[in-house]
């Protein structure tokens, strides 16, 4: 489920399907784009990436074009 759906559940405004899961990624490593993103798109799984903006653009980090592509995919 989306992180926002989980927040609504915690607020008592939404029921969740049985065996729900929230998928999150931290820091903004490029491996999230290279390995996880294609699988998330393939299977239609929503996810949330928490990014350190001062890390972006570093050698092992996501770039803005990759971030925009992931955001545009929903």
PDB file of N, CA and C in Angstrom:
ATOM      1  N   UNK A   1       0.839  -1.182   0.000  1.00  0.00           N
ATOM      2  CA  UNK A   1       0.000   0.000   0.000  1.00  0.00           C
ATOM      3  C   UNK A   1       0.883   1.244   0.000  1.00  0.00           C
ATOM      4  N   UNK A   2       0.305   2.349  -0.327  1.00  0.00           N
ATOM      5  CA  UNK A   2       1.032   3.621  -0.272  1.00  0.00           C
ATOM      6  C   UNK A   2       1.193   4.064   1.177  1.00  0.00           C
ATOM      7  N   UNK A   3       2.250   4.809   1.438  1.00  0.00           N
ATOM      8  CA  UNK A   3       2.495   5.321   2.774  1.00  0.00           C
ATOM      9  C   UNK A   3       1.323   6.180   3.241  1.00  0.00           C
ATOM     10  N   UNK A   4       0.731   6.937   2.339  1.00  0.00           N
ATOM     11  CA  UNK A   4      -0.418   7.782   2.700  1.00  0.00           C
ATOM     12  C   UNK A   4      -1.617   6.941   3.141  1.00  0.00           C
ATOM     13  N   UNK A   5      -1.781   5.765   2.554  1.00  0.00           N
ATOM     14  CA  UNK A   5      -2.871   4.874   2.968  1.00  0.00           C
ATOM     15  C   UNK A   5      -2.634   4.358   4.387  1.00  0.00           C
ATOM     16  N   UNK A   6      -1.385   4.096   4.725  1.00  0.00           N
ATOM     17  CA  UNK A   6      -1.061   3.653   6.070  1.00  0.00           C
ATOM     18  C   UNK A   6      -1.339   4.760   7.075  1.00  0.00           C
ATOM     19  N   UNK A   7      -1.006   5.995   6.704  1.00  0.00           N
ATOM     20  CA  UNK A   7      -1.289   7.132   7.583  1.00  0.00           C
ATOM     21  C   UNK A   7      -2.795   7.259   7.826  1.00  0.00           C
ATOM     22  N   UNK A   8      -3.588   7.069   6.784  1.00  0.00           N
ATOM     23  CA  UNK A   8      -5.050   7.120   6.939  1.00  0.00           C
ATOM     24  C   UNK A   8      -5.542   5.996   7.848  1.00  0.00           C
ATOM     25  N   UNK A   9      -4.938   4.835   7.756  1.00  0.00           N
ATOM     26  CA  UNK A   9      -5.278   3.726   8.640  1.00  0.00           C
ATOM     27  C   UNK A   9      -4.988   4.097  10.092  1.00  0.00           C
ATOM     28  N   UNK A  10      -3.816   4.671  10.342  1.00  0.00           N
ATOM     29  CA  UNK A  10      -3.449   5.060  11.704  1.00  0.00           C
ATOM     30  C   UNK A  10      -4.384   6.120  12.271  1.00  0.00           C
ATOM     31  N   UNK A  11      -4.934   6.952  11.389  1.00  0.00           N
ATOM     32  CA  UNK A  11      -5.876   7.988  11.811  1.00  0.00           C
ATOM     33  C   UNK A  11      -7.295   7.449  11.947  1.00  0.00           C
ATOM     34  N   UNK A  12      -7.500   6.172  11.652  1.00  0.00           N
ATOM     35  CA  UNK A  12      -8.818   5.561  11.751  1.00  0.00           C
ATOM     36  C   UNK A  12      -9.744   5.895  10.594  1.00  0.00           C
ATOM     37  N   UNK A  13      -9.184   6.361   9.483  1.00  0.00           N
ATOM     38  CA  UNK A  13     -10.006   6.765   8.329  1.00  0.00           C
ATOM     39  C   UNK A  13     -10.010   5.740   7.200  1.00  0.00           C
ATOM     40  N   UNK A  14      -9.299   4.617   7.349  1.00  0.00           N
ATOM     41  CA  UNK A  14      -9.211   3.643   6.264  1.00  0.00           C
ATOM     42  C   UNK A  14      -8.952   2.253   6.844  1.00  0.00           C
ATOM     43  N   UNK A  15      -9.593   1.282   6.232  1.00  0.00           N
ATOM     44  CA  UNK A  15      -9.272  -0.122   6.527  1.00  0.00           C
ATOM     45  C   UNK A  15      -8.215  -0.573   5.524  1.00  0.00           C
ATOM     46  N   UNK A  16      -7.397  -1.509   5.921  1.00  0.00           N
ATOM     47  CA  UNK A  16      -6.358  -2.006   5.024  1.00  0.00           C
ATOM     48  C   UNK A  16      -6.641  -3.439   4.612  1.00  0.00           C
ATOM     49  N   UNK A  17      -6.222  -3.795   3.404  1.00  0.00           N
ATOM     50  CA  UNK A  17      -6.328  -5.198   2.998  1.00  0.00           C
ATOM     51  C   UNK A  17      -5.476  -6.075   3.919  1.00  0.00           C
ATOM     52  N   UNK A  18      -5.887  -7.285   4.083  1.00  0.00           N
ATOM     53  CA  UNK A  18      -5.120  -8.231   4.886  1.00  0.00           C
ATOM     54  C   UNK A  18      -3.727  -8.408   4.270  1.00  0.00           C
ATOM     55  N   UNK A  19      -2.728  -8.541   5.107  1.00  0.00           N
ATOM     56  CA  UNK A  19      -1.342  -8.742   4.680  1.00  0.00           C
ATOM     57  C   UNK A  19      -0.806  -7.566   3.861  1.00  0.00           C
ATOM     58  N   UNK A  20      -1.139  -6.351   4.249  1.00  0.00           N
ATOM     59  CA  UNK A  20      -0.618  -5.148   3.585  1.00  0.00           C
ATOM     60  C   UNK A  20       0.833  -4.916   3.960  1.00  0.00           C
ATOM     61  N   UNK A  21       1.534  -4.219   3.082  1.00  0.00           N
ATOM     62  CA  UNK A  21       2.924  -3.867   3.342  1.00  0.00           C
ATOM     63  C   UNK A  21       3.194  -2.473   2.769  1.00  0.00           C
ATOM     64  N   UNK A  22       4.041  -1.713   3.469  1.00  0.00           N
ATOM     65  CA  UNK A  22       4.519  -0.424   2.991  1.00  0.00           C
ATOM     66  C   UNK A  22       5.992  -0.614   2.640  1.00  0.00           C
ATOM     67  N   UNK A  23       6.376  -0.242   1.417  1.00  0.00           N
ATOM     68  CA  UNK A  23       7.758  -0.388   0.967  1.00  0.00           C
ATOM     69  C   UNK A  23       8.419   0.982   0.980  1.00  0.00           C
ATOM     70  N   UNK A  24       9.541   1.093   1.709  1.00  0.00           N
ATOM     71  CA  UNK A  24      10.283   2.352   1.763  1.00  0.00           C
ATOM     72  C   UNK A  24      11.763   2.111   1.489  1.00  0.00           C
ATOM     73  N   UNK A  25      12.408   3.153   1.000  1.00  0.00           N
ATOM     74  CA  UNK A  25      13.841   3.141   0.735  1.00  0.00           C
ATOM     75  C   UNK A  25      14.430   4.400   1.341  1.00  0.00           C
ATOM     76  N   UNK A  26      15.627   4.288   1.895  1.00  0.00           N
ATOM     77  CA  UNK A  26      16.265   5.426   2.550  1.00  0.00           C
ATOM     78  C   UNK A  26      17.524   5.865   1.823  1.00  0.00           C
ATOM     79  N   UNK A  27      17.825   7.121   1.935  1.00  0.00           N
ATOM     80  CA  UNK A  27      19.083   7.761   1.557  1.00  0.00           C
ATOM     81  C   UNK A  27      19.170   8.214   0.104  1.00  0.00           C
ATOM     82  N   UNK A  28      18.656   7.473  -0.862  1.00  0.00           N
ATOM     83  CA  UNK A  28      18.742   7.886  -2.256  1.00  0.00           C
ATOM     84  C   UNK A  28      19.884   7.262  -3.029  1.00  0.00           C
ATOM     85  N   UNK A  29      20.252   6.045  -2.667  1.00  0.00           N
ATOM     86  CA  UNK A  29      21.292   5.338  -3.418  1.00  0.00           C
ATOM     87  C   UNK A  29      20.787   4.982  -4.813  1.00  0.00           C
ATOM     88  N   UNK A  30      21.648   5.054  -5.803  1.00  0.00           N
ATOM     89  CA  UNK A  30      21.293   4.779  -7.187  1.00  0.00           C
ATOM     90  C   UNK A  30      20.817   3.330  -7.365  1.00  0.00           C
ATOM     91  N   UNK A  31      21.218   2.429  -6.495  1.00  0.00           N
ATOM     92  CA  UNK A  31      20.773   1.034  -6.597  1.00  0.00           C
ATOM     93  C   UNK A  31      19.257   0.913  -6.471  1.00  0.00           C
ATOM     94  N   UNK A  32      18.633   1.826  -5.766  1.00  0.00           N
ATOM     95  CA  UNK A  32      17.164   1.818  -5.691  1.00  0.00           C
ATOM     96  C   UNK A  32      16.535   2.022  -7.059  1.00  0.00           C
ATOM     97  N   UNK A  33      17.165   2.843  -7.862  1.00  0.00           N
ATOM     98  CA  UNK A  33      16.701   3.085  -9.226  1.00  0.00           C
ATOM     99  C   UNK A  33      17.067   1.924 -10.143  1.00  0.00           C
ATOM    100  N   UNK A  34      18.283   1.446 -10.028  1.00  0.00           N
ATOM    101  CA  UNK A  34      18.776   0.403 -10.922  1.00  0.00           C
ATOM    102  C   UNK A  34      18.101  -0.950 -10.694  1.00  0.00           C
ATOM    103  N   UNK A  35      17.884  -1.305  -9.452  1.00  0.00           N
ATOM    104  CA  UNK A  35      17.414  -2.652  -9.135  1.00  0.00           C
ATOM    105  C   UNK A  35      15.954  -2.697  -8.654  1.00  0.00           C
ATOM    106  N   UNK A  36      15.595  -1.828  -7.740  1.00  0.00           N
ATOM    107  CA  UNK A  36      14.255  -1.893  -7.161  1.00  0.00           C
ATOM    108  C   UNK A  36      13.197  -1.273  -8.068  1.00  0.00           C
ATOM    109  N   UNK A  37      13.467  -0.109  -8.617  1.00  0.00           N
ATOM    110  CA  UNK A  37      12.474   0.606  -9.418  1.00  0.00           C
ATOM    111  C   UNK A  37      11.893  -0.236 -10.559  1.00  0.00           C
ATOM    112  N   UNK A  38      12.704  -0.932 -11.363  1.00  0.00           N
ATOM    113  CA  UNK A  38      12.118  -1.749 -12.430  1.00  0.00           C
ATOM    114  C   UNK A  38      11.159  -2.823 -11.898  1.00  0.00           C
ATOM    115  N   UNK A  39      11.478  -3.413 -10.768  1.00  0.00           N
ATOM    116  CA  UNK A  39      10.593  -4.440 -10.194  1.00  0.00           C
ATOM    117  C   UNK A  39       9.317  -3.823  -9.628  1.00  0.00           C
ATOM    118  N   UNK A  40       9.440  -2.665  -9.013  1.00  0.00           N
ATOM    119  CA  UNK A  40       8.259  -1.979  -8.485  1.00  0.00           C
ATOM    120  C   UNK A  40       7.288  -1.638  -9.614  1.00  0.00           C
ATOM    121  N   UNK A  41       7.830  -1.156 -10.728  1.00  0.00           N
ATOM    122  CA  UNK A  41       6.992  -0.830 -11.888  1.00  0.00           C
ATOM    123  C   UNK A  41       6.388  -2.107 -12.473  1.00  0.00           C
ATOM    124  N   UNK A  42       7.202  -3.128 -12.639  1.00  0.00           N
ATOM    125  CA  UNK A  42       6.741  -4.385 -13.231  1.00  0.00           C
ATOM    126  C   UNK A  42       5.554  -4.965 -12.474  1.00  0.00           C
ATOM    127  N   UNK A  43       5.619  -4.945 -11.154  1.00  0.00           N
ATOM    128  CA  UNK A  43       4.572  -5.556 -10.341  1.00  0.00           C
ATOM    129  C   UNK A  43       3.540  -4.556  -9.826  1.00  0.00           C
ATOM    130  N   UNK A  44       3.709  -3.292 -10.158  1.00  0.00           N
ATOM    131  CA  UNK A  44       2.737  -2.276  -9.758  1.00  0.00           C
ATOM    132  C   UNK A  44       2.735  -1.971  -8.268  1.00  0.00           C
ATOM    133  N   UNK A  45       3.887  -2.118  -7.618  1.00  0.00           N
ATOM    134  CA  UNK A  45       3.979  -1.862  -6.182  1.00  0.00           C
ATOM    135  C   UNK A  45       4.318  -0.400  -5.924  1.00  0.00           C
ATOM    136  N   UNK A  46       3.508   0.283  -5.118  1.00  0.00           N
ATOM    137  CA  UNK A  46       3.873   1.645  -4.739  1.00  0.00           C
ATOM    138  C   UNK A  46       4.997   1.603  -3.705  1.00  0.00           C
ATOM    139  N   UNK A  47       5.764   2.663  -3.633  1.00  0.00           N
ATOM    140  CA  UNK A  47       6.836   2.743  -2.645  1.00  0.00           C
ATOM    141  C   UNK A  47       7.115   4.206  -2.351  1.00  0.00           C
ATOM    142  N   UNK A  48       7.884   4.420  -1.300  1.00  0.00           N
ATOM    143  CA  UNK A  48       8.292   5.768  -0.908  1.00  0.00           C
ATOM    144  C   UNK A  48       9.804   5.780  -0.766  1.00  0.00           C
ATOM    145  N   UNK A  49      10.438   6.766  -1.382  1.00  0.00           N
ATOM    146  CA  UNK A  49      11.880   6.963  -1.255  1.00  0.00           C
ATOM    147  C   UNK A  49      12.116   8.192  -0.385  1.00  0.00           C
ATOM    148  N   UNK A  50      12.849   8.021   0.696  1.00  0.00           N
ATOM    149  CA  UNK A  50      13.258   9.123   1.551  1.00  0.00           C
ATOM    150  C   UNK A  50      14.669   9.512   1.126  1.00  0.00           C
ATOM    151  N   UNK A  51      14.836  10.748   0.671  1.00  0.00           N
ATOM    152  CA  UNK A  51      16.095  11.175   0.064  1.00  0.00           C
ATOM    153  C   UNK A  51      16.797  12.238   0.902  1.00  0.00           C
ATOM    154  N   UNK A  52      18.120  12.108   1.017  1.00  0.00           N
ATOM    155  CA  UNK A  52      18.957  13.160   1.579  1.00  0.00           C
ATOM    156  C   UNK A  52      19.343  14.072   0.430  1.00  0.00           C
ATOM    157  N   UNK A  53      18.853  15.285   0.423  1.00  0.00           N
ATOM    158  CA  UNK A  53      19.124  16.155  -0.717  1.00  0.00           C
ATOM    159  C   UNK A  53      20.597  16.531  -0.842  1.00  0.00           C
ATOM    160  N   UNK A  54      21.334  16.546   0.265  1.00  0.00           N
ATOM    161  CA  UNK A  54      22.754  16.868   0.153  1.00  0.00           C
ATOM    162  C   UNK A  54      23.579  15.689  -0.377  1.00  0.00           C
ATOM    163  N   UNK A  55      22.974  14.503  -0.462  1.00  0.00           N
ATOM    164  CA  UNK A  55      23.629  13.307  -0.989  1.00  0.00           C
ATOM    165  C   UNK A  55      23.392  13.163  -2.491  1.00  0.00           C
ATOM    166  N   UNK A  56      22.293  13.721  -2.987  1.00  0.00           N
ATOM    167  CA  UNK A  56      21.915  13.554  -4.385  1.00  0.00           C
ATOM    168  C   UNK A  56      22.999  14.086  -5.320  1.00  0.00           C
ATOM    169  N   UNK A  57      23.231  13.346  -6.372  1.00  0.00           N
ATOM    170  CA  UNK A  57      24.237  13.723  -7.348  1.00  0.00           C
ATOM    171  C   UNK A  57      25.634  13.214  -7.028  1.00  0.00           C
ATOM    172  N   UNK A  58      25.824  12.636  -5.836  1.00  0.00           N
ATOM    173  CA  UNK A  58      27.122  12.052  -5.488  1.00  0.00           C
ATOM    174  C   UNK A  58      27.330  10.786  -6.317  1.00  0.00           C
ATOM    175  N   UNK A  59      28.497  10.216  -6.238  1.00  0.00           N
ATOM    176  CA  UNK A  59      28.862   9.060  -7.072  1.00  0.00           C
ATOM    177  C   UNK A  59      27.852   7.911  -6.985  1.00  0.00           C
ATOM    178  N   UNK A  60      27.428   7.536  -5.808  1.00  0.00           N
ATOM    179  CA  UNK A  60      26.523   6.397  -5.609  1.00  0.00           C
ATOM    180  C   UNK A  60      25.066   6.822  -5.406  1.00  0.00           C
ATOM    181  N   UNK A  61      24.760   8.087  -5.678  1.00  0.00           N
ATOM    182  CA  UNK A  61      23.432   8.622  -5.364  1.00  0.00           C
ATOM    183  C   UNK A  61      22.581   8.821  -6.616  1.00  0.00           C
ATOM    184  N   UNK A  62      21.294   8.941  -6.392  1.00  0.00           N
ATOM    185  CA  UNK A  62      20.359   9.262  -7.464  1.00  0.00           C
ATOM    186  C   UNK A  62      20.630  10.653  -8.012  1.00  0.00           C
ATOM    187  N   UNK A  63      20.302  10.833  -9.275  1.00  0.00           N
ATOM    188  CA  UNK A  63      20.334  12.155  -9.896  1.00  0.00           C
ATOM    189  C   UNK A  63      18.909  12.655 -10.055  1.00  0.00           C
ATOM    190  N   UNK A  64      18.773  13.945 -10.315  1.00  0.00           N
ATOM    191  CA  UNK A  64      17.431  14.527 -10.416  1.00  0.00           C
ATOM    192  C   UNK A  64      16.622  13.913 -11.557  1.00  0.00           C
ATOM    193  N   UNK A  65      17.233  13.560 -12.661  1.00  0.00           N
ATOM    194  CA  UNK A  65      16.491  12.953 -13.776  1.00  0.00           C
ATOM    195  C   UNK A  65      15.884  11.615 -13.354  1.00  0.00           C
ATOM    196  N   UNK A  66      16.615  10.819 -12.603  1.00  0.00           N
ATOM    197  CA  UNK A  66      16.099   9.536 -12.113  1.00  0.00           C
ATOM    198  C   UNK A  66      14.955   9.756 -11.126  1.00  0.00           C
ATOM    199  N   UNK A  67      15.109  10.743 -10.276  1.00  0.00           N
ATOM    200  CA  UNK A  67      14.058  11.048  -9.302  1.00  0.00           C
ATOM    201  C   UNK A  67      12.788  11.481 -10.015  1.00  0.00           C
ATOM    202  N   UNK A  68      12.924  12.348 -11.011  1.00  0.00           N
ATOM    203  CA  UNK A  68      11.751  12.805 -11.772  1.00  0.00           C
ATOM    204  C   UNK A  68      11.071  11.626 -12.480  1.00  0.00           C
ATOM    205  N   UNK A  69      11.863  10.725 -13.048  1.00  0.00           N
ATOM    206  CA  UNK A  69      11.291   9.560 -13.733  1.00  0.00           C
ATOM    207  C   UNK A  69      10.492   8.687 -12.767  1.00  0.00           C
ATOM    208  N   UNK A  70      11.054   8.438 -11.596  1.00  0.00           N
ATOM    209  CA  UNK A  70      10.346   7.613 -10.609  1.00  0.00           C
ATOM    210  C   UNK A  70       9.087   8.316 -10.127  1.00  0.00           C
ATOM    211  N   UNK A  71       9.158   9.607  -9.871  1.00  0.00           N
ATOM    212  CA  UNK A  71       7.987  10.346  -9.399  1.00  0.00           C
ATOM    213  C   UNK A  71       6.884  10.356 -10.462  1.00  0.00           C
ATOM    214  N   UNK A  72       7.268  10.504 -11.715  1.00  0.00           N
ATOM    215  CA  UNK A  72       6.286  10.531 -12.799  1.00  0.00           C
ATOM    216  C   UNK A  72       5.599   9.184 -12.998  1.00  0.00           C
ATOM    217  N   UNK A  73       6.237   8.106 -12.560  1.00  0.00           N
ATOM    218  CA  UNK A  73       5.652   6.778 -12.740  1.00  0.00           C
ATOM    219  C   UNK A  73       4.533   6.494 -11.745  1.00  0.00           C
ATOM    220  N   UNK A  74       4.401   7.361 -10.768  1.00  0.00           N
ATOM    221  CA  UNK A  74       3.344   7.177  -9.770  1.00  0.00           C
ATOM    222  C   UNK A  74       3.827   6.382  -8.591  1.00  0.00           C
TER     223      UNK A  74
END
